[in-house]
Amino acid sequence: MTSPGRRWKERFDLARDDLIQATGSVDKILGGGRYQITLENEQKVTAQLSGRMRRFRIRVIPGDRVTVGLSPYDPTHGFITFRLKEGQSAPGQ
């Protein structure tokens, strides 16, 4: 028998595949580990580092190009999932 909390997590937990992928550049570092990012379509979003990027201590500074996973429920917030190197295109493209 599963606990009620576990059933809620299974139903509402988003996988990485469920996120909308977009590419943009970091404008500002906001407080609390959040970043302001301008996407290629000129939309501004707020994003935080994904857990894997924090785990491996990948640094992101203003001016970096990044891949952002946006929530389908609130496309103004997301997770930074990849930092692109100079001249590199987004993964999977």
PDB file of N, CA and C in Angstrom:
ATOM      1  N   MET A   1       0.842  -1.178   0.000  1.00  0.00           N
ATOM      2  CA  MET A   1       0.000   0.000   0.000  1.00  0.00           C
ATOM      3  C   MET A   1       0.886   1.239   0.000  1.00  0.00           C
ATOM      4  N   THR A   2       0.563   2.194  -0.875  1.00  0.00           N
ATOM      5  CA  THR A   2       1.351   3.424  -0.956  1.00  0.00           C
ATOM      6  C   THR A   2       0.728   4.496  -0.081  1.00  0.00           C
ATOM      7  N   SER A   3       1.580   5.358   0.412  1.00  0.00           N
ATOM      8  CA  SER A   3       1.092   6.441   1.266  1.00  0.00           C
ATOM      9  C   SER A   3       0.468   7.539   0.404  1.00  0.00           C
ATOM     10  N   PRO A   4      -0.416   8.366   0.976  1.00  0.00           N
ATOM     11  CA  PRO A   4      -1.044   9.445   0.200  1.00  0.00           C
ATOM     12  C   PRO A   4      -0.021  10.416  -0.386  1.00  0.00           C
ATOM     13  N   GLY A   5       1.041  10.690   0.354  1.00  0.00           N
ATOM     14  CA  GLY A   5       2.070  11.588  -0.155  1.00  0.00           C
ATOM     15  C   GLY A   5       2.765  11.036  -1.378  1.00  0.00           C
ATOM     16  N   ARG A   6       2.990   9.741  -1.383  1.00  0.00           N
ATOM     17  CA  ARG A   6       3.659   9.113  -2.522  1.00  0.00           C
ATOM     18  C   ARG A   6       2.770   9.155  -3.766  1.00  0.00           C
ATOM     19  N   ARG A   7       1.461   8.905  -3.579  1.00  0.00           N
ATOM     20  CA  ARG A   7       0.553   8.958  -4.728  1.00  0.00           C
ATOM     21  C   ARG A   7       0.520  10.368  -5.318  1.00  0.00           C
ATOM     22  N   TRP A   8       0.533  11.395  -4.478  1.00  0.00           N
ATOM     23  CA  TRP A   8       0.528  12.771  -4.963  1.00  0.00           C
ATOM     24  C   TRP A   8       1.783  13.040  -5.774  1.00  0.00           C
ATOM     25  N   LYS A   9       2.939  12.586  -5.268  1.00  0.00           N
ATOM     26  CA  LYS A   9       4.205  12.815  -5.963  1.00  0.00           C
ATOM     27  C   LYS A   9       4.227  12.113  -7.313  1.00  0.00           C
ATOM     28  N   GLU A  10       3.710  10.884  -7.371  1.00  0.00           N
ATOM     29  CA  GLU A  10       3.682  10.155  -8.638  1.00  0.00           C
ATOM     30  C   GLU A  10       2.782  10.851  -9.651  1.00  0.00           C
ATOM     31  N   ARG A  11       1.708  11.458  -9.188  1.00  0.00           N
ATOM     32  CA  ARG A  11       0.757  12.086 -10.092  1.00  0.00           C
ATOM     33  C   ARG A  11       1.240  13.446 -10.583  1.00  0.00           C
ATOM     34  N   PHE A  12       1.876  14.239  -9.725  1.00  0.00           N
ATOM     35  CA  PHE A  12       2.190  15.622 -10.064  1.00  0.00           C
ATOM     36  C   PHE A  12       3.670  15.915 -10.258  1.00  0.00           C
ATOM     37  N   ASP A  13       4.534  14.942 -10.146  1.00  0.00           N
ATOM     38  CA  ASP A  13       5.963  15.172 -10.318  1.00  0.00           C
ATOM     39  C   ASP A  13       6.290  15.250 -11.803  1.00  0.00           C
ATOM     40  N   LEU A  14       6.953  16.337 -12.216  1.00  0.00           N
ATOM     41  CA  LEU A  14       7.327  16.492 -13.614  1.00  0.00           C
ATOM     42  C   LEU A  14       8.665  15.820 -13.877  1.00  0.00           C
ATOM     43  N   ALA A  15       8.749  15.106 -14.962  1.00  0.00           N
ATOM     44  CA  ALA A  15      10.015  14.530 -15.386  1.00  0.00           C
ATOM     45  C   ALA A  15      10.742  15.546 -16.251  1.00  0.00           C
ATOM     46  N   ARG A  16      12.015  15.321 -16.501  1.00  0.00           N
ATOM     47  CA  ARG A  16      12.792  16.227 -17.329  1.00  0.00           C
ATOM     48  C   ARG A  16      12.221  16.277 -18.750  1.00  0.00           C
ATOM     49  N   ASP A  17      11.633  15.169 -19.217  1.00  0.00           N
ATOM     50  CA  ASP A  17      11.077  15.128 -20.564  1.00  0.00           C
ATOM     51  C   ASP A  17       9.825  15.991 -20.703  1.00  0.00           C
ATOM     52  N   ASP A  18       9.134  16.278 -19.602  1.00  0.00           N
ATOM     53  CA  ASP A  18       7.907  17.069 -19.641  1.00  0.00           C
ATOM     54  C   ASP A  18       8.171  18.561 -19.776  1.00  0.00           C
ATOM     55  N   LEU A  19       9.401  19.004 -19.581  1.00  0.00           N
ATOM     56  CA  LEU A  19       9.724  20.426 -19.637  1.00  0.00           C
ATOM     57  C   LEU A  19       9.872  20.892 -21.082  1.00  0.00           C
ATOM     58  N   ILE A  20       9.519  22.143 -21.334  1.00  0.00           N
ATOM     59  CA  ILE A  20       9.680  22.757 -22.652  1.00  0.00           C
ATOM     60  C   ILE A  20      11.101  23.289 -22.729  1.00  0.00           C
ATOM     61  N   GLN A  21      11.881  22.843 -23.708  1.00  0.00           N
ATOM     62  CA  GLN A  21      13.275  23.254 -23.844  1.00  0.00           C
ATOM     63  C   GLN A  21      13.381  24.549 -24.643  1.00  0.00           C
ATOM     64  N   ALA A  22      14.172  25.495 -24.142  1.00  0.00           N
ATOM     65  CA  ALA A  22      14.410  26.768 -24.818  1.00  0.00           C
ATOM     66  C   ALA A  22      15.855  27.181 -24.562  1.00  0.00           C
ATOM     67  N   THR A  23      16.380  28.025 -25.438  1.00  0.00           N
ATOM     68  CA  THR A  23      17.751  28.514 -25.311  1.00  0.00           C
ATOM     69  C   THR A  23      17.721  30.020 -25.116  1.00  0.00           C
ATOM     70  N   GLY A  24      18.603  30.513 -24.252  1.00  0.00           N
ATOM     71  CA  GLY A  24      18.661  31.944 -24.004  1.00  0.00           C
ATOM     72  C   GLY A  24      19.982  32.328 -23.373  1.00  0.00           C
ATOM     73  N   SER A  25      20.086  33.598 -22.970  1.00  0.00           N
ATOM     74  CA  SER A  25      21.311  34.071 -22.334  1.00  0.00           C
ATOM     75  C   SER A  25      20.973  34.665 -20.970  1.00  0.00           C
ATOM     76  N   VAL A  26      21.917  34.527 -20.045  1.00  0.00           N
ATOM     77  CA  VAL A  26      21.730  34.992 -18.673  1.00  0.00           C
ATOM     78  C   VAL A  26      21.942  36.502 -18.636  1.00  0.00           C
ATOM     79  N   ASP A  27      20.960  37.227 -18.086  1.00  0.00           N
ATOM     80  CA  ASP A  27      21.054  38.676 -17.945  1.00  0.00           C
ATOM     81  C   ASP A  27      21.572  39.069 -16.571  1.00  0.00           C
ATOM     82  N   LYS A  28      20.922  38.535 -15.528  1.00  0.00           N
ATOM     83  CA  LYS A  28      21.247  38.933 -14.158  1.00  0.00           C
ATOM     84  C   LYS A  28      21.225  37.730 -13.253  1.00  0.00           C
ATOM     85  N   ILE A  29      21.986  37.842 -12.163  1.00  0.00           N
ATOM     86  CA  ILE A  29      21.902  36.866 -11.081  1.00  0.00           C
ATOM     87  C   ILE A  29      21.009  37.485 -10.014  1.00  0.00           C
ATOM     88  N   LEU A  30      19.901  36.837  -9.725  1.00  0.00           N
ATOM     89  CA  LEU A  30      18.973  37.314  -8.706  1.00  0.00           C
ATOM     90  C   LEU A  30      19.296  36.624  -7.389  1.00  0.00           C
ATOM     91  N   GLY A  31      18.694  37.039  -6.325  1.00  0.00           N
ATOM     92  CA  GLY A  31      18.946  36.419  -5.033  1.00  0.00           C
ATOM     93  C   GLY A  31      18.374  35.009  -4.956  1.00  0.00           C
ATOM     94  N   GLY A  32      18.890  34.222  -4.045  1.00  0.00           N
ATOM     95  CA  GLY A  32      18.366  32.888  -3.804  1.00  0.00           C
ATOM     96  C   GLY A  32      18.722  31.869  -4.863  1.00  0.00           C
ATOM     97  N   GLY A  33      19.785  32.085  -5.609  1.00  0.00           N
ATOM     98  CA  GLY A  33      20.201  31.114  -6.626  1.00  0.00           C
ATOM     99  C   GLY A  33      19.354  31.142  -7.882  1.00  0.00           C
ATOM    100  N   ARG A  34      18.680  32.255  -8.136  1.00  0.00           N
ATOM    101  CA  ARG A  34      17.858  32.378  -9.337  1.00  0.00           C
ATOM    102  C   ARG A  34      18.541  33.298 -10.342  1.00  0.00           C
ATOM    103  N   TYR A  35      18.174  33.144 -11.604  1.00  0.00           N
ATOM    104  CA  TYR A  35      18.771  33.906 -12.697  1.00  0.00           C
ATOM    105  C   TYR A  35      17.659  34.474 -13.568  1.00  0.00           C
ATOM    106  N   GLN A  36      17.898  35.676 -14.114  1.00  0.00           N
ATOM    107  CA  GLN A  36      16.984  36.236 -15.105  1.00  0.00           C
ATOM    108  C   GLN A  36      17.571  35.927 -16.469  1.00  0.00           C
ATOM    109  N   ILE A  37      16.770  35.321 -17.329  1.00  0.00           N
ATOM    110  CA  ILE A  37      17.239  34.854 -18.624  1.00  0.00           C
ATOM    111  C   ILE A  37      16.348  35.431 -19.714  1.00  0.00           C
ATOM    112  N   THR A  38      16.977  35.885 -20.811  1.00  0.00           N
ATOM    113  CA  THR A  38      16.249  36.321 -21.988  1.00  0.00           C
ATOM    114  C   THR A  38      16.353  35.211 -23.025  1.00  0.00           C
ATOM    115  N   LEU A  39      15.207  34.672 -23.425  1.00  0.00           N
ATOM    116  CA  LEU A  39      15.174  33.594 -24.406  1.00  0.00           C
ATOM    117  C   LEU A  39      15.401  34.146 -25.804  1.00  0.00           C
ATOM    118  N   GLU A  40      15.594  33.252 -26.773  1.00  0.00           N
ATOM    119  CA  GLU A  40      15.836  33.676 -28.152  1.00  0.00           C
ATOM    120  C   GLU A  40      14.649  34.427 -28.742  1.00  0.00           C
ATOM    121  N   ASN A  41      13.438  34.182 -28.227  1.00  0.00           N
ATOM    122  CA  ASN A  41      12.253  34.889 -28.721  1.00  0.00           C
ATOM    123  C   ASN A  41      11.977  36.164 -27.917  1.00  0.00           C
ATOM    124  N   GLU A  42      12.996  36.667 -27.205  1.00  0.00           N
ATOM    125  CA  GLU A  42      12.954  37.918 -26.430  1.00  0.00           C
ATOM    126  C   GLU A  42      12.051  37.851 -25.203  1.00  0.00           C
ATOM    127  N   GLN A  43      11.617  36.682 -24.788  1.00  0.00           N
ATOM    128  CA  GLN A  43      10.824  36.526 -23.575  1.00  0.00           C
ATOM    129  C   GLN A  43      11.763  36.442 -22.379  1.00  0.00           C
ATOM    130  N   LYS A  44      11.408  37.111 -21.274  1.00  0.00           N
ATOM    131  CA  LYS A  44      12.220  37.068 -20.060  1.00  0.00           C
ATOM    132  C   LYS A  44      11.628  36.048 -19.099  1.00  0.00           C
ATOM    133  N   VAL A  45      12.484  35.177 -18.551  1.00  0.00           N
ATOM    134  CA  VAL A  45      12.049  34.159 -17.603  1.00  0.00           C
ATOM    135  C   VAL A  45      12.986  34.155 -16.404  1.00  0.00           C
ATOM    136  N   THR A  46      12.502  33.594 -15.310  1.00  0.00           N
ATOM    137  CA  THR A  46      13.307  33.401 -14.110  1.00  0.00           C
ATOM    138  C   THR A  46      13.578  31.909 -13.992  1.00  0.00           C
ATOM    139  N   ALA A  47      14.854  31.558 -13.771  1.00  0.00           N
ATOM    140  CA  ALA A  47      15.206  30.138 -13.688  1.00  0.00           C
ATOM    141  C   ALA A  47      16.210  29.921 -12.574  1.00  0.00           C
ATOM    142  N   GLN A  48      16.244  28.692 -12.084  1.00  0.00           N
ATOM    143  CA  GLN A  48      17.240  28.303 -11.097  1.00  0.00           C
ATOM    144  C   GLN A  48      18.030  27.129 -11.648  1.00  0.00           C
ATOM    145  N   LEU A  49      19.193  26.883 -11.069  1.00  0.00           N
ATOM    146  CA  LEU A  49      20.028  25.787 -11.532  1.00  0.00           C
ATOM    147  C   LEU A  49      19.373  24.453 -11.225  1.00  0.00           C
ATOM    148  N   SER A  50      19.497  23.510 -12.136  1.00  0.00           N
ATOM    149  CA  SER A  50      18.982  22.170 -11.877  1.00  0.00           C
ATOM    150  C   SER A  50      19.876  21.492 -10.838  1.00  0.00           C
ATOM    151  N   GLY A  51      19.369  20.461 -10.234  1.00  0.00           N
ATOM    152  CA  GLY A  51      20.103  19.756  -9.186  1.00  0.00           C
ATOM    153  C   GLY A  51      21.422  19.190  -9.658  1.00  0.00           C
ATOM    154  N   ARG A  52      21.466  18.691 -10.873  1.00  0.00           N
ATOM    155  CA  ARG A  52      22.701  18.107 -11.398  1.00  0.00           C
ATOM    156  C   ARG A  52      23.773  19.184 -11.589  1.00  0.00           C
ATOM    157  N   MET A  53      23.365  20.376 -12.021  1.00  0.00           N
ATOM    158  CA  MET A  53      24.337  21.458 -12.198  1.00  0.00           C
ATOM    159  C   MET A  53      24.860  21.931 -10.845  1.00  0.00           C
ATOM    160  N   ARG A  54      24.009  21.960  -9.831  1.00  0.00           N
ATOM    161  CA  ARG A  54      24.483  22.312  -8.482  1.00  0.00           C
ATOM    162  C   ARG A  54      25.416  21.234  -7.950  1.00  0.00           C
ATOM    163  N   ARG A  55      25.064  19.987  -8.189  1.00  0.00           N
ATOM    164  CA  ARG A  55      25.872  18.866  -7.682  1.00  0.00           C
ATOM    165  C   ARG A  55      27.296  18.913  -8.222  1.00  0.00           C
ATOM    166  N   PHE A  56      27.435  19.193  -9.515  1.00  0.00           N
ATOM    167  CA  PHE A  56      28.766  19.228 -10.125  1.00  0.00           C
ATOM    168  C   PHE A  56      29.368  20.628 -10.127  1.00  0.00           C
ATOM    169  N   ARG A  57      28.737  21.556  -9.408  1.00  0.00           N
ATOM    170  CA  ARG A  57      29.232  22.930  -9.210  1.00  0.00           C
ATOM    171  C   ARG A  57      29.556  23.646 -10.522  1.00  0.00           C
ATOM    172  N   ILE A  58      28.626  23.574 -11.462  1.00  0.00           N
ATOM    173  CA  ILE A  58      28.798  24.271 -12.735  1.00  0.00           C
ATOM    174  C   ILE A  58      28.407  25.723 -12.524  1.00  0.00           C
ATOM    175  N   ARG A  59      29.321  26.630 -12.801  1.00  0.00           N
ATOM    176  CA  ARG A  59      29.105  28.053 -12.584  1.00  0.00           C
ATOM    177  C   ARG A  59      28.436  28.681 -13.799  1.00  0.00           C
ATOM    178  N   VAL A  60      27.489  29.561 -13.547  1.00  0.00           N
ATOM    179  CA  VAL A  60      26.793  30.301 -14.591  1.00  0.00           C
ATOM    180  C   VAL A  60      26.922  31.774 -14.258  1.00  0.00           C
ATOM    181  N   ILE A  61      27.396  32.563 -15.211  1.00  0.00           N
ATOM    182  CA  ILE A  61      27.586  33.994 -14.997  1.00  0.00           C
ATOM    183  C   ILE A  61      26.807  34.758 -16.065  1.00  0.00           C
ATOM    184  N   PRO A  62      26.540  36.056 -15.841  1.00  0.00           N
ATOM    185  CA  PRO A  62      25.836  36.848 -16.857  1.00  0.00           C
ATOM    186  C   PRO A  62      26.581  36.820 -18.186  1.00  0.00           C
ATOM    187  N   GLY A  63      25.821  36.640 -19.257  1.00  0.00           N
ATOM    188  CA  GLY A  63      26.387  36.553 -20.593  1.00  0.00           C
ATOM    189  C   GLY A  63      26.470  35.124 -21.107  1.00  0.00           C
ATOM    190  N   ASP A  64      26.382  34.132 -20.235  1.00  0.00           N
ATOM    191  CA  ASP A  64      26.429  32.733 -20.663  1.00  0.00           C
ATOM    192  C   ASP A  64      25.161  32.373 -21.423  1.00  0.00           C
ATOM    193  N   ARG A  65      25.316  31.517 -22.440  1.00  0.00           N
ATOM    194  CA  ARG A  65      24.156  30.946 -23.132  1.00  0.00           C
ATOM    195  C   ARG A  65      23.800  29.646 -22.430  1.00  0.00           C
ATOM    196  N   VAL A  66      22.518  29.447 -22.174  1.00  0.00           N
ATOM    197  CA  VAL A  66      22.063  28.286 -21.425  1.00  0.00           C
ATOM    198  C   VAL A  66      20.827  27.674 -22.084  1.00  0.00           C
ATOM    199  N   THR A  67      20.601  26.394 -21.774  1.00  0.00           N
ATOM    200  CA  THR A  67      19.360  25.724 -22.144  1.00  0.00           C
ATOM    201  C   THR A  67      18.484  25.690 -20.906  1.00  0.00           C
ATOM    202  N   VAL A  68      17.234  26.093 -21.071  1.00  0.00           N
ATOM    203  CA  VAL A  68      16.303  26.200 -19.954  1.00  0.00           C
ATOM    204  C   VAL A  68      15.136  25.248 -20.190  1.00  0.00           C
ATOM    205  N   GLY A  69      14.759  24.511 -19.141  1.00  0.00           N
ATOM    206  CA  GLY A  69      13.551  23.695 -19.176  1.00  0.00           C
ATOM    207  C   GLY A  69      12.436  24.459 -18.511  1.00  0.00           C
ATOM    208  N   LEU A  70      11.413  24.833 -19.281  1.00  0.00           N
ATOM    209  CA  LEU A  70      10.306  25.632 -18.765  1.00  0.00           C
ATOM    210  C   LEU A  70       9.127  24.740 -18.417  1.00  0.00           C
ATOM    211  N   SER A  71       8.454  25.079 -17.352  1.00  0.00           N
ATOM    212  CA  SER A  71       7.280  24.342 -16.926  1.00  0.00           C
ATOM    213  C   SER A  71       6.130  24.602 -17.898  1.00  0.00           C
ATOM    214  N   PRO A  72       5.399  23.561 -18.312  1.00  0.00           N
ATOM    215  CA  PRO A  72       4.247  23.797 -19.186  1.00  0.00           C
ATOM    216  C   PRO A  72       3.101  24.511 -18.459  1.00  0.00           C
ATOM    217  N   TYR A  73       3.102  24.505 -17.128  1.00  0.00           N
ATOM    218  CA  TYR A  73       2.056  25.148 -16.356  1.00  0.00           C
ATOM    219  C   TYR A  73       2.333  26.620 -16.120  1.00  0.00           C
ATOM    220  N   ASP A  74       3.601  27.001 -16.012  1.00  0.00           N
ATOM    221  CA  ASP A  74       3.983  28.394 -15.798  1.00  0.00           C
ATOM    222  C   ASP A  74       5.253  28.665 -16.590  1.00  0.00           C
ATOM    223  N   PRO A  75       5.125  29.089 -17.856  1.00  0.00           N
ATOM    224  CA  PRO A  75       6.308  29.244 -18.708  1.00  0.00           C
ATOM    225  C   PRO A  75       7.202  30.433 -18.364  1.00  0.00           C
ATOM    226  N   THR A  76       6.944  31.134 -17.261  1.00  0.00           N
ATOM    227  CA  THR A  76       7.838  32.218 -16.855  1.00  0.00           C
ATOM    228  C   THR A  76       8.875  31.736 -15.852  1.00  0.00           C
ATOM    229  N   HIS A  77       8.800  30.471 -15.424  1.00  0.00           N
ATOM    230  CA  HIS A  77       9.750  29.901 -14.478  1.00  0.00           C
ATOM    231  C   HIS A  77      10.306  28.608 -15.046  1.00  0.00           C
ATOM    232  N   GLY A  78      11.572  28.322 -14.719  1.00  0.00           N
ATOM    233  CA  GLY A  78      12.162  27.091 -15.229  1.00  0.00           C
ATOM    234  C   GLY A  78      13.444  26.726 -14.519  1.00  0.00           C
ATOM    235  N   PHE A  79      14.134  25.739 -15.100  1.00  0.00           N
ATOM    236  CA  PHE A  79      15.401  25.240 -14.584  1.00  0.00           C
ATOM    237  C   PHE A  79      16.467  25.353 -15.659  1.00  0.00           C
ATOM    238  N   ILE A  80      17.650  25.805 -15.263  1.00  0.00           N
ATOM    239  CA  ILE A  80      18.781  25.814 -16.184  1.00  0.00           C
ATOM    240  C   ILE A  80      19.329  24.394 -16.210  1.00  0.00           C
ATOM    241  N   THR A  81      19.280  23.758 -17.382  1.00  0.00           N
ATOM    242  CA  THR A  81      19.682  22.363 -17.480  1.00  0.00           C
ATOM    243  C   THR A  81      21.024  22.163 -18.160  1.00  0.00           C
ATOM    244  N   PHE A  82      21.529  23.191 -18.865  1.00  0.00           N
ATOM    245  CA  PHE A  82      22.775  23.018 -19.607  1.00  0.00           C
ATOM    246  C   PHE A  82      23.389  24.376 -19.878  1.00  0.00           C
ATOM    247  N   ARG A  83      24.708  24.503 -19.713  1.00  0.00           N
ATOM    248  CA  ARG A  83      25.421  25.742 -20.062  1.00  0.00           C
ATOM    249  C   ARG A  83      26.173  25.484 -21.350  1.00  0.00           C
ATOM    250  N   LEU A  84      25.887  26.297 -22.372  1.00  0.00           N
ATOM    251  CA  LEU A  84      26.496  26.114 -23.681  1.00  0.00           C
ATOM    252  C   LEU A  84      27.872  26.769 -23.727  1.00  0.00           C
ATOM    253  N   LYS A  85      28.798  26.094 -24.376  1.00  0.00           N
ATOM    254  CA  LYS A  85      30.128  26.661 -24.563  1.00  0.00           C
ATOM    255  C   LYS A  85      30.088  27.631 -25.757  1.00  0.00           C
ATOM    256  N   GLU A  86      31.140  28.401 -25.911  1.00  0.00           N
ATOM    257  CA  GLU A  86      31.232  29.385 -26.995  1.00  0.00           C
ATOM    258  C   GLU A  86      31.072  28.695 -28.345  1.00  0.00           C
ATOM    259  N   GLY A  87      30.099  29.136 -29.133  1.00  0.00           N
ATOM    260  CA  GLY A  87      29.883  28.587 -30.478  1.00  0.00           C
ATOM    261  C   GLY A  87      29.167  27.249 -30.493  1.00  0.00           C
ATOM    262  N   GLN A  88      28.740  26.717 -29.360  1.00  0.00           N
ATOM    263  CA  GLN A  88      28.074  25.419 -29.294  1.00  0.00           C
ATOM    264  C   GLN A  88      26.572  25.603 -29.462  1.00  0.00           C
ATOM    265  N   SER A  89      25.932  24.675 -30.171  1.00  0.00           N
ATOM    266  CA  SER A  89      24.469  24.722 -30.289  1.00  0.00           C
ATOM    267  C   SER A  89      23.859  23.888 -29.183  1.00  0.00           C
ATOM    268  N   ALA A  90      22.560  24.063 -28.985  1.00  0.00           N
ATOM    269  CA  ALA A  90      21.867  23.334 -27.911  1.00  0.00           C
ATOM    270  C   ALA A  90      21.921  21.836 -28.161  1.00  0.00           C
ATOM    271  N   PRO A  91      22.003  21.036 -27.099  1.00  0.00           N
ATOM    272  CA  PRO A  91      22.059  19.580 -27.284  1.00  0.00           C
ATOM    273  C   PRO A  91      20.771  19.059 -27.893  1.00  0.00           C
ATOM    274  N   GLY A  92      20.914  18.082 -28.782  1.00  0.00           N
ATOM    275  CA  GLY A  92      19.760  17.493 -29.424  1.00  0.00           C
ATOM    276  C   GLY A  92      19.277  18.258 -30.642  1.00  0.00           C
ATOM    277  N   GLN A  93      20.025  19.266 -31.068  1.00  0.00           N
ATOM    278  CA  GLN A  93      19.625  20.029 -32.254  1.00  0.00           C
ATOM    279  C   GLN A  93      20.661  19.903 -33.327  1.00  0.00           C
TER     280      GLN A  93
END
